Amino acid sequence: MKKKILNQLYFLAFLLCLGFSSINAQEYYVYVTAESEDEVALIKFDGKNAVVAKTIPVGYKPSEIEGPHGITVGPNGKYWYLSMAHGTPYGQLVKYSTETNEILGTTELGIFPASMQISKANGLLYVVNFNLHGRMLPSSVSVVDPELMFEIKKITTGAMPHGSRISPDGRKQYSVAMMSGELFEINTLDLKVSRTLDLEPEGSVAEEVKVDVPQTAQSVDHSKMDHSQMDHSKGGHVMMKHSTVKPTWVIPHPSLPRIYIAGNGSNELLEIDSDTWKVTHRMPCGKGPYNVEISPDGKLLVVTYKSEGTTGIWDIETRKQLAKVENSRKVSHGVAISTDSKFAFISVEGKNGQPGSVDVIDLKTYKRVAVAEVGKQAGGIAFWKQTK
C-alpha cells in the first residue's frame, strides 16, 4: 500500500514539474519581411527551435511585387508598421494589429521608404525615404501620426537615407545618408534637423558627381546646392559628394552618449560622441557592414556583414570583436535583439532564388542555435515580445 502511495506521489510530482516547466517556458517572437515575396513572417523561438508561426501576405497588387522593406513594432506592442517600398512612384506605410495581423490603415510616403521607429516622446513615427531608384539628391524623413495614419511633414536630409533609429528618451531621431555620407539628428519635438555630421575621414576627398535637377523638383534642399555650377535654362545641375564611407545604419547607445554607424563602403564601424558631435573611433571590421544593433543591457554591438554572410559580435567597452558567426546563407541583412539581451535574430536574404532565413544567435556562447526559413530576400526585422 505504502509503495502504491509513494508511486502516486512521484507521479504527481512529475506532473507538477511538467506544468511548472511549461508555465516558465520562454518564447520569443519577431517579425521579418520577405521583400521579393510580399510576405511578412512571424517567427517563434522557444530557446531551442525557431519556426514560422504565421505568414502574412502584404502585397496589394497581385501582378506586382511591392517590396516590404522596413518594419517596426509600436512601443505598446499592439501594432506593427511596414514600409512598402516599390510604389509608383511613392511607397506606403501600412499599420497592422499584432493580435490579428490585419491591416488597420495606410498612408503614402516618399520614394522607397525604408527603416522607421516611433518616438516615445511624442508618439510620432519617423521613416526615411531611401529613394533607391531616384536621382542622387537630398531626400527626406517622413513624420507620420500612427493613430490617424497621416503624414505630418517631410524633413529634408541627405542622399539615400537608409538606417534610422531614435534615442531612448524619444527626443532625437538619427539617420544616415548612404550616398552623401552624412549623419542627421532631428529634434522630434520641433521636427527640424538640429545637427549634421560629415562622416568622411579628415583630409579625405570624396568623389563629386553631377546630378541633374529638374526645375519642378520640390524636395530639394537648395542650401546644399552649388548654384554657381547650375544651368537654369535646362533645369540645372548640382555637384554632389559621393561618399566613400557609405553609411547604411545608425543606432544610439541605450545609456551612454554614443552613436554607432555601419560604414558599408569603408568596412568600418564608426563611434560618434553625441555630446561633442565628433567621430571618436573608426573600427575596421568585416566586409560590407550593413545593420547594427545594441543589446538592451548596453554591453554588445551586433553587426551584419552583408558581403560576407556573417555576423560580428563586439564588446562595446573594449571596442573589440568577440566573435564572427557564419550565417546560414549569404547576404546578411538585419538584426533584432531580445529584450533580455540573450539572443540576436538575423535576417539573411539568400542568393540566386534561395529562400531567406532568420538565424538565431546565442549571445552568451556566440553560436548560431536555430534557423527558420522564410520567403525570398529576408530584410527588415523587428522584435515583438517574449513570454515571461
Protein backbone atom coordinates (compact mmCIF):
# COMPACT_ATOMS: atom_id res chain seq x y z
CA MET A 1 0.00 0.00 0.00
CA LYS A 2 2.79 2.36 1.01
CA LYS A 3 4.59 1.61 -2.26
CA LYS A 4 1.47 2.43 -4.26
CA ILE A 5 1.02 5.78 -2.45
CA LEU A 6 4.69 6.60 -2.97
CA ASN A 7 4.43 5.90 -6.70
CA GLN A 8 1.37 8.11 -6.91
CA LEU A 9 3.23 10.92 -5.14
CA TYR A 10 6.17 10.55 -7.55
CA PHE A 11 3.78 10.68 -10.48
CA LEU A 12 2.09 13.78 -9.08
CA ALA A 13 5.46 15.47 -8.57
CA PHE A 14 6.38 14.61 -12.17
CA LEU A 15 3.17 16.19 -13.47
CA LEU A 16 3.75 19.31 -11.36
CA CYS A 17 7.28 19.61 -12.75
CA LEU A 18 5.94 19.34 -16.28
CA GLY A 19 3.38 22.01 -15.58
CA PHE A 20 5.92 24.29 -13.93
CA SER A 21 8.30 23.83 -16.86
CA SER A 22 5.59 24.65 -19.37
CA ILE A 23 4.45 27.73 -17.44
CA ASN A 24 8.00 29.09 -17.27
CA ALA A 25 8.99 28.25 -20.86
CA GLN A 26 10.41 31.34 -22.55
CA GLU A 27 9.20 32.11 -26.08
CA TYR A 28 10.41 34.91 -28.33
CA TYR A 29 8.57 36.44 -31.30
CA VAL A 30 10.00 38.51 -34.17
CA TYR A 31 8.53 39.85 -37.42
CA VAL A 32 10.62 39.67 -40.60
CA THR A 33 9.92 40.87 -44.15
CA ALA A 34 10.43 38.92 -47.38
CA GLU A 35 10.93 41.69 -49.91
CA SER A 36 10.75 39.51 -53.03
CA GLU A 37 7.69 37.58 -51.85
CA ASP A 38 5.44 40.36 -50.50
CA GLU A 39 5.23 38.46 -47.22
CA VAL A 40 5.96 39.04 -43.55
CA ALA A 41 6.70 36.05 -41.32
CA LEU A 42 6.11 35.88 -37.57
CA ILE A 43 8.90 33.76 -36.10
CA LYS A 44 8.55 31.94 -32.77
CA PHE A 45 11.67 30.77 -30.94
CA ASP A 46 11.35 28.61 -27.81
CA GLY A 47 15.00 28.66 -26.79
CA LYS A 48 15.84 25.66 -28.98
CA ASN A 49 13.86 25.77 -32.23
CA ALA A 50 12.78 28.64 -34.46
CA VAL A 51 9.64 28.16 -36.58
CA VAL A 52 7.36 30.30 -38.75
CA ALA A 53 4.28 30.76 -36.56
CA LYS A 54 2.40 32.69 -39.25
CA THR A 55 2.94 34.01 -42.78
CA ILE A 56 1.15 37.28 -43.59
CA PRO A 57 0.64 38.27 -47.27
CA VAL A 58 1.22 42.03 -47.55
CA GLY A 59 1.12 42.93 -51.25
CA TYR A 60 -1.85 44.85 -52.60
CA LYS A 61 -1.23 44.45 -56.37
CA PRO A 62 -1.37 40.77 -57.36
CA SER A 63 0.59 41.35 -60.59
CA GLU A 64 3.49 43.24 -58.93
CA ILE A 65 6.00 42.99 -56.09
CA GLU A 66 5.55 45.97 -53.76
CA GLY A 67 8.62 45.15 -51.67
CA PRO A 68 8.02 45.13 -47.88
CA HIS A 69 11.25 46.65 -46.61
CA GLY A 70 11.25 48.32 -43.18
CA ILE A 71 9.30 47.08 -40.16
CA THR A 72 8.82 48.19 -36.56
CA VAL A 73 6.60 47.27 -33.62
CA GLY A 74 4.98 50.11 -31.68
CA PRO A 75 6.06 50.74 -28.04
CA ASN A 76 2.89 49.17 -26.60
CA GLY A 77 3.26 46.01 -28.71
CA LYS A 78 -0.28 46.26 -30.10
CA TYR A 79 0.63 47.32 -33.65
CA TRP A 80 3.31 46.72 -36.23
CA TYR A 81 4.15 49.01 -39.13
CA LEU A 82 5.51 48.15 -42.55
CA SER A 83 7.06 50.25 -45.31
CA MET A 84 6.09 49.07 -48.81
CA ALA A 85 8.98 50.37 -50.89
CA HIS A 86 8.13 49.79 -54.56
CA GLY A 87 5.28 52.23 -55.19
CA THR A 88 4.66 54.12 -58.44
CA PRO A 89 6.49 56.28 -57.63
CA TYR A 90 5.77 56.65 -53.91
CA GLY A 91 5.81 53.96 -51.26
CA GLN A 92 3.36 53.36 -48.43
CA LEU A 93 3.24 52.87 -44.70
CA VAL A 94 0.84 50.15 -43.55
CA LYS A 95 -0.38 49.59 -39.97
CA TYR A 96 -1.28 46.10 -38.69
CA SER A 97 -2.68 44.62 -35.49
CA THR A 98 -0.32 42.22 -33.65
CA GLU A 99 -3.41 40.39 -32.38
CA THR A 100 -4.96 39.62 -35.78
CA ASN A 101 -2.20 40.73 -38.23
CA GLU A 102 -4.89 42.54 -40.21
CA ILE A 103 -4.48 45.95 -41.88
CA LEU A 104 -5.71 48.89 -39.80
CA GLY A 105 -4.62 51.78 -42.03
CA THR A 106 -2.29 53.05 -44.78
CA THR A 107 -0.70 56.32 -45.87
CA GLU A 108 1.51 57.41 -48.77
CA LEU A 109 5.15 58.36 -48.09
CA GLY A 110 8.14 59.28 -50.28
CA ILE A 111 10.13 57.24 -52.80
CA PHE A 112 11.27 53.86 -51.41
CA PRO A 113 10.52 54.26 -47.68
CA ALA A 114 12.82 52.13 -45.54
CA SER A 115 13.61 51.92 -41.81
CA MET A 116 11.40 53.50 -39.15
CA GLN A 117 10.66 53.83 -35.44
CA ILE A 118 8.13 55.53 -33.14
CA SER A 119 9.26 58.21 -30.69
CA LYS A 120 8.35 57.64 -27.05
CA ALA A 121 8.41 61.42 -26.53
CA ASN A 122 5.53 62.33 -28.83
CA GLY A 123 4.20 59.06 -30.28
CA LEU A 124 5.02 60.04 -33.87
CA LEU A 125 6.56 57.64 -36.39
CA TYR A 126 9.68 58.64 -38.36
CA VAL A 127 10.56 56.79 -41.58
CA VAL A 128 13.37 57.55 -44.03
CA ASN A 129 12.66 57.77 -47.77
CA PHE A 130 15.63 55.88 -49.23
CA ASN A 131 14.90 56.97 -52.83
CA LEU A 132 16.83 53.96 -54.17
CA HIS A 133 15.82 54.40 -57.81
CA GLY A 134 15.71 58.21 -57.92
CA ARG A 135 18.25 60.93 -58.59
CA MET A 136 21.12 61.33 -56.13
CA LEU A 137 19.53 64.36 -54.46
CA PRO A 138 18.71 65.17 -50.85
CA SER A 139 15.78 63.00 -49.77
CA SER A 140 13.69 63.13 -46.60
CA VAL A 141 12.33 61.70 -43.38
CA SER A 142 8.54 61.37 -43.28
CA VAL A 143 6.85 62.13 -39.95
CA VAL A 144 3.57 60.24 -39.52
CA ASP A 145 0.83 60.27 -36.89
CA PRO A 146 0.42 56.47 -36.41
CA GLU A 147 -3.03 56.84 -34.86
CA LEU A 148 -4.52 58.80 -37.76
CA MET A 149 -2.07 57.30 -40.31
CA PHE A 150 -1.45 60.77 -41.70
CA GLU A 151 1.90 62.19 -42.90
CA ILE A 152 2.51 65.42 -40.99
CA LYS A 153 5.76 66.56 -42.59
CA LYS A 154 8.72 65.61 -44.79
CA ILE A 155 12.07 66.76 -43.35
CA THR A 156 14.86 67.13 -45.94
CA THR A 157 18.10 65.26 -45.13
CA GLY A 158 20.75 63.68 -47.42
CA ALA A 159 21.08 61.49 -50.47
CA MET A 160 19.68 57.97 -49.99
CA PRO A 161 18.92 57.95 -46.24
CA HIS A 162 18.67 54.36 -45.04
CA GLY A 163 19.31 53.35 -41.43
CA SER A 164 17.45 55.27 -38.75
CA ARG A 165 16.85 54.97 -35.01
CA ILE A 166 15.50 57.14 -32.18
CA SER A 167 17.24 57.96 -28.88
CA PRO A 168 15.98 56.11 -25.77
CA ASP A 169 14.23 59.26 -24.48
CA GLY A 170 12.49 59.69 -27.84
CA ARG A 171 13.71 63.27 -28.33
CA LYS A 172 16.23 62.71 -31.14
CA GLN A 173 15.90 60.81 -34.40
CA TYR A 174 19.12 59.77 -36.12
CA SER A 175 19.53 58.74 -39.76
CA VAL A 176 22.45 58.25 -42.13
CA ALA A 177 22.50 59.21 -45.80
CA MET A 178 24.30 56.46 -47.69
CA MET A 179 25.44 58.37 -50.77
CA SER A 180 26.19 61.79 -49.24
CA GLY A 181 27.89 60.20 -46.22
CA GLU A 182 26.17 62.21 -43.50
CA LEU A 183 24.65 61.69 -40.06
CA PHE A 184 21.50 63.68 -39.33
CA GLU A 185 19.93 64.45 -35.97
CA ILE A 186 16.29 65.54 -35.95
CA ASN A 187 14.64 67.10 -32.91
CA THR A 188 11.45 65.05 -32.66
CA LEU A 189 9.61 67.86 -30.86
CA ASP A 190 10.14 70.73 -33.31
CA LEU A 191 10.50 68.43 -36.37
CA LYS A 192 13.70 70.10 -37.62
CA VAL A 193 17.25 68.92 -38.35
CA SER A 194 19.25 70.03 -35.31
CA ARG A 195 22.73 68.78 -36.33
CA THR A 196 24.51 67.29 -39.35
CA LEU A 197 27.86 65.48 -39.34
CA ASP A 198 30.08 64.68 -42.34
CA LEU A 199 31.34 61.11 -41.84
CA GLU A 200 34.25 61.20 -44.31
CA PRO A 201 37.71 60.82 -42.69
CA GLU A 202 39.60 64.06 -42.10
CA GLY A 203 41.70 65.03 -45.10
CA SER A 204 39.90 62.67 -47.48
CA VAL A 205 38.27 63.97 -50.64
CA ALA A 206 35.01 62.29 -51.56
CA GLU A 207 34.17 61.92 -55.24
CA GLU A 208 31.76 64.53 -56.59
CA VAL A 209 29.13 63.63 -59.13
CA LYS A 210 27.00 65.79 -61.41
CA VAL A 211 23.27 65.40 -60.77
CA ASP A 212 20.60 66.94 -62.99
CA VAL A 213 17.95 68.88 -61.10
CA PRO A 214 14.60 69.43 -62.85
CA GLN A 215 13.02 72.84 -62.47
CA THR A 216 9.94 71.21 -60.94
CA ALA A 217 11.86 69.43 -58.15
CA GLN A 218 10.09 70.17 -54.88
CA SER A 219 12.04 68.06 -52.39
CA VAL A 220 15.50 69.56 -52.95
CA ASP A 221 17.21 71.40 -50.11
CA HIS A 222 18.70 74.28 -52.12
CA SER A 223 21.09 75.18 -49.31
CA LYS A 224 23.08 72.06 -50.22
CA MET A 225 23.48 73.06 -53.88
CA ASP A 226 26.34 74.77 -55.65
CA HIS A 227 24.23 77.29 -57.57
CA SER A 228 27.25 78.70 -59.40
CA GLN A 229 27.51 75.46 -61.41
CA MET A 230 23.83 75.18 -62.32
CA ASP A 231 22.49 75.65 -65.82
CA HIS A 232 18.99 77.02 -65.10
CA SER A 233 17.97 77.03 -68.76
CA LYS A 234 17.95 73.22 -68.71
CA GLY A 235 16.63 72.74 -65.21
CA GLY A 236 20.09 72.94 -63.63
CA HIS A 237 22.53 70.51 -62.12
CA VAL A 238 24.42 70.25 -58.87
CA MET A 239 27.75 68.70 -57.92
CA MET A 240 27.10 66.33 -55.01
CA LYS A 241 29.54 64.37 -52.88
CA HIS A 242 29.70 60.61 -53.42
CA SER A 243 30.61 59.12 -50.03
CA THR A 244 33.42 56.61 -49.53
CA VAL A 245 32.01 55.58 -46.12
CA LYS A 246 28.50 54.80 -47.48
CA PRO A 247 26.84 54.60 -44.05
CA THR A 248 23.87 52.23 -44.01
CA TRP A 249 22.80 52.06 -40.38
CA VAL A 250 22.88 54.08 -37.17
CA ILE A 251 21.92 53.39 -33.57
CA PRO A 252 22.35 55.40 -30.34
CA HIS A 253 23.56 53.64 -27.21
CA PRO A 254 20.79 53.00 -24.63
CA SER A 255 22.64 54.78 -21.80
CA LEU A 256 25.95 56.26 -23.00
CA PRO A 257 26.36 59.43 -25.12
CA ARG A 258 27.48 57.39 -28.12
CA ILE A 259 26.13 56.66 -31.59
CA TYR A 260 27.29 53.71 -33.73
CA ILE A 261 27.28 53.64 -37.53
CA ALA A 262 27.91 50.91 -40.12
CA GLY A 263 30.35 52.15 -42.79
CA ASN A 264 29.29 49.82 -45.58
CA GLY A 265 31.70 51.31 -48.14
CA SER A 266 34.73 51.73 -45.87
CA ASN A 267 34.36 48.41 -43.98
CA GLU A 268 34.41 50.06 -40.57
CA LEU A 269 32.23 50.79 -37.57
CA LEU A 270 32.13 54.43 -36.51
CA GLU A 271 31.63 55.59 -32.94
CA ILE A 272 30.28 59.12 -32.51
CA ASP A 273 30.33 61.15 -29.29
CA SER A 274 26.82 62.61 -29.23
CA ASP A 275 27.92 65.40 -26.81
CA THR A 276 30.86 66.70 -28.85
CA TRP A 277 29.30 65.58 -32.16
CA LYS A 278 32.57 64.13 -33.43
CA VAL A 279 33.77 60.77 -34.74
CA THR A 280 35.84 59.36 -31.86
CA HIS A 281 36.69 55.88 -33.18
CA ARG A 282 36.84 54.13 -36.55
CA MET A 283 36.99 50.38 -36.05
CA PRO A 284 37.96 48.21 -39.04
CA CYS A 285 35.57 45.28 -39.34
CA GLY A 286 34.28 42.62 -41.73
CA LYS A 287 33.33 43.29 -45.33
CA GLY A 288 30.18 45.29 -46.00
CA PRO A 289 28.79 46.06 -42.52
CA TYR A 290 25.11 46.75 -43.06
CA ASN A 291 22.87 46.79 -39.97
CA VAL A 292 23.91 47.40 -36.36
CA GLU A 293 22.03 46.71 -33.14
CA ILE A 294 22.95 47.13 -29.46
CA SER A 295 21.84 44.70 -26.77
CA PRO A 296 19.37 46.33 -24.35
CA ASP A 297 21.87 45.90 -21.49
CA GLY A 298 24.26 48.11 -23.48
CA LYS A 299 27.14 45.61 -23.50
CA LEU A 300 27.20 44.16 -27.02
CA LEU A 301 27.15 45.54 -30.54
CA VAL A 302 25.85 43.10 -33.17
CA VAL A 303 26.58 43.88 -36.83
CA THR A 304 25.71 42.07 -40.05
CA TYR A 305 28.46 41.81 -42.69
CA LYS A 306 26.34 41.75 -45.80
CA SER A 307 29.17 40.99 -48.23
CA GLU A 308 30.49 38.06 -46.17
CA GLY A 309 27.31 36.35 -44.98
CA THR A 310 28.47 36.65 -41.38
CA THR A 311 27.53 38.44 -38.17
CA GLY A 312 30.01 40.14 -35.85
CA ILE A 313 29.59 40.43 -32.07
CA TRP A 314 31.51 43.30 -30.46
CA ASP A 315 32.26 44.25 -26.87
CA ILE A 316 31.25 47.90 -26.54
CA GLU A 317 33.56 48.66 -23.60
CA THR A 318 36.75 47.30 -25.20
CA ARG A 319 35.72 48.01 -28.82
CA LYS A 320 36.92 44.51 -29.74
CA GLN A 321 35.14 41.89 -31.84
CA LEU A 322 34.41 38.87 -29.66
CA ALA A 323 33.21 36.54 -32.39
CA LYS A 324 32.22 36.29 -36.03
CA VAL A 325 29.35 33.87 -36.69
CA GLU A 326 28.73 32.39 -40.12
CA ASN A 327 25.15 32.87 -41.24
CA SER A 328 23.04 30.08 -42.72
CA ARG A 329 23.38 31.56 -46.23
CA LYS A 330 24.82 34.62 -47.97
CA VAL A 331 23.76 38.29 -47.88
CA SER A 332 23.20 39.01 -44.20
CA HIS A 333 20.77 41.87 -43.64
CA GLY A 334 19.02 42.94 -40.41
CA VAL A 335 19.41 42.48 -36.65
CA ALA A 336 16.91 42.35 -33.78
CA ILE A 337 17.84 41.50 -30.19
CA SER A 338 15.59 40.09 -27.46
CA THR A 339 14.73 42.41 -24.59
CA ASP A 340 16.62 40.15 -22.15
CA SER A 341 19.81 40.55 -24.28
CA LYS A 342 20.13 36.76 -24.65
CA PHE A 343 19.53 36.24 -28.38
CA ALA A 344 20.16 38.05 -31.66
CA PHE A 345 17.84 37.37 -34.60
CA ILE A 346 19.48 37.89 -38.01
CA SER A 347 17.60 38.19 -41.31
CA VAL A 348 19.54 36.66 -44.20
CA GLU A 349 18.47 37.41 -47.77
CA GLY A 350 19.90 34.39 -49.60
CA LYS A 351 21.11 34.34 -53.23
CA ASN A 352 20.07 33.02 -56.64
CA GLY A 353 16.49 32.06 -55.81
CA GLN A 354 17.22 30.74 -52.32
CA PRO A 355 14.62 31.34 -49.63
CA GLY A 356 15.57 33.81 -46.93
CA SER A 357 16.17 32.82 -43.33
CA VAL A 358 16.21 34.04 -39.76
CA ASP A 359 19.27 32.88 -37.81
CA VAL A 360 19.17 32.88 -34.01
CA ILE A 361 22.50 33.56 -32.27
CA ASP A 362 23.06 32.88 -28.56
CA LEU A 363 24.77 36.00 -27.18
CA LYS A 364 26.37 34.05 -24.33
CA THR A 365 28.02 31.32 -26.39
CA TYR A 366 28.29 33.30 -29.69
CA LYS A 367 26.88 30.29 -31.54
CA ARG A 368 24.09 30.02 -34.09
CA VAL A 369 21.49 27.86 -32.34
CA ALA A 370 18.48 27.85 -34.70
CA VAL A 371 17.40 28.73 -38.24
CA ALA A 372 13.91 29.39 -39.64
CA GLU A 373 13.38 29.56 -43.40
CA VAL A 374 11.21 32.42 -44.72
CA GLY A 375 10.42 33.98 -48.10
CA LYS A 376 12.95 35.32 -50.58
CA GLN A 377 15.11 38.33 -49.72
CA ALA A 378 14.53 38.45 -45.98
CA GLY A 379 15.18 42.03 -44.92
CA GLY A 380 13.59 44.22 -42.24
CA ILE A 381 13.29 42.54 -38.87
CA ALA A 382 11.70 43.67 -35.60
CA PHE A 383 11.47 42.09 -32.16
CA TRP A 384 7.89 41.91 -30.87
CA LYS A 385 7.76 40.19 -27.48
CA GLN A 386 8.90 37.43 -25.19
CA THR A 387 6.75 35.42 -22.80
CA LYS A 388 7.51 35.60 -19.09
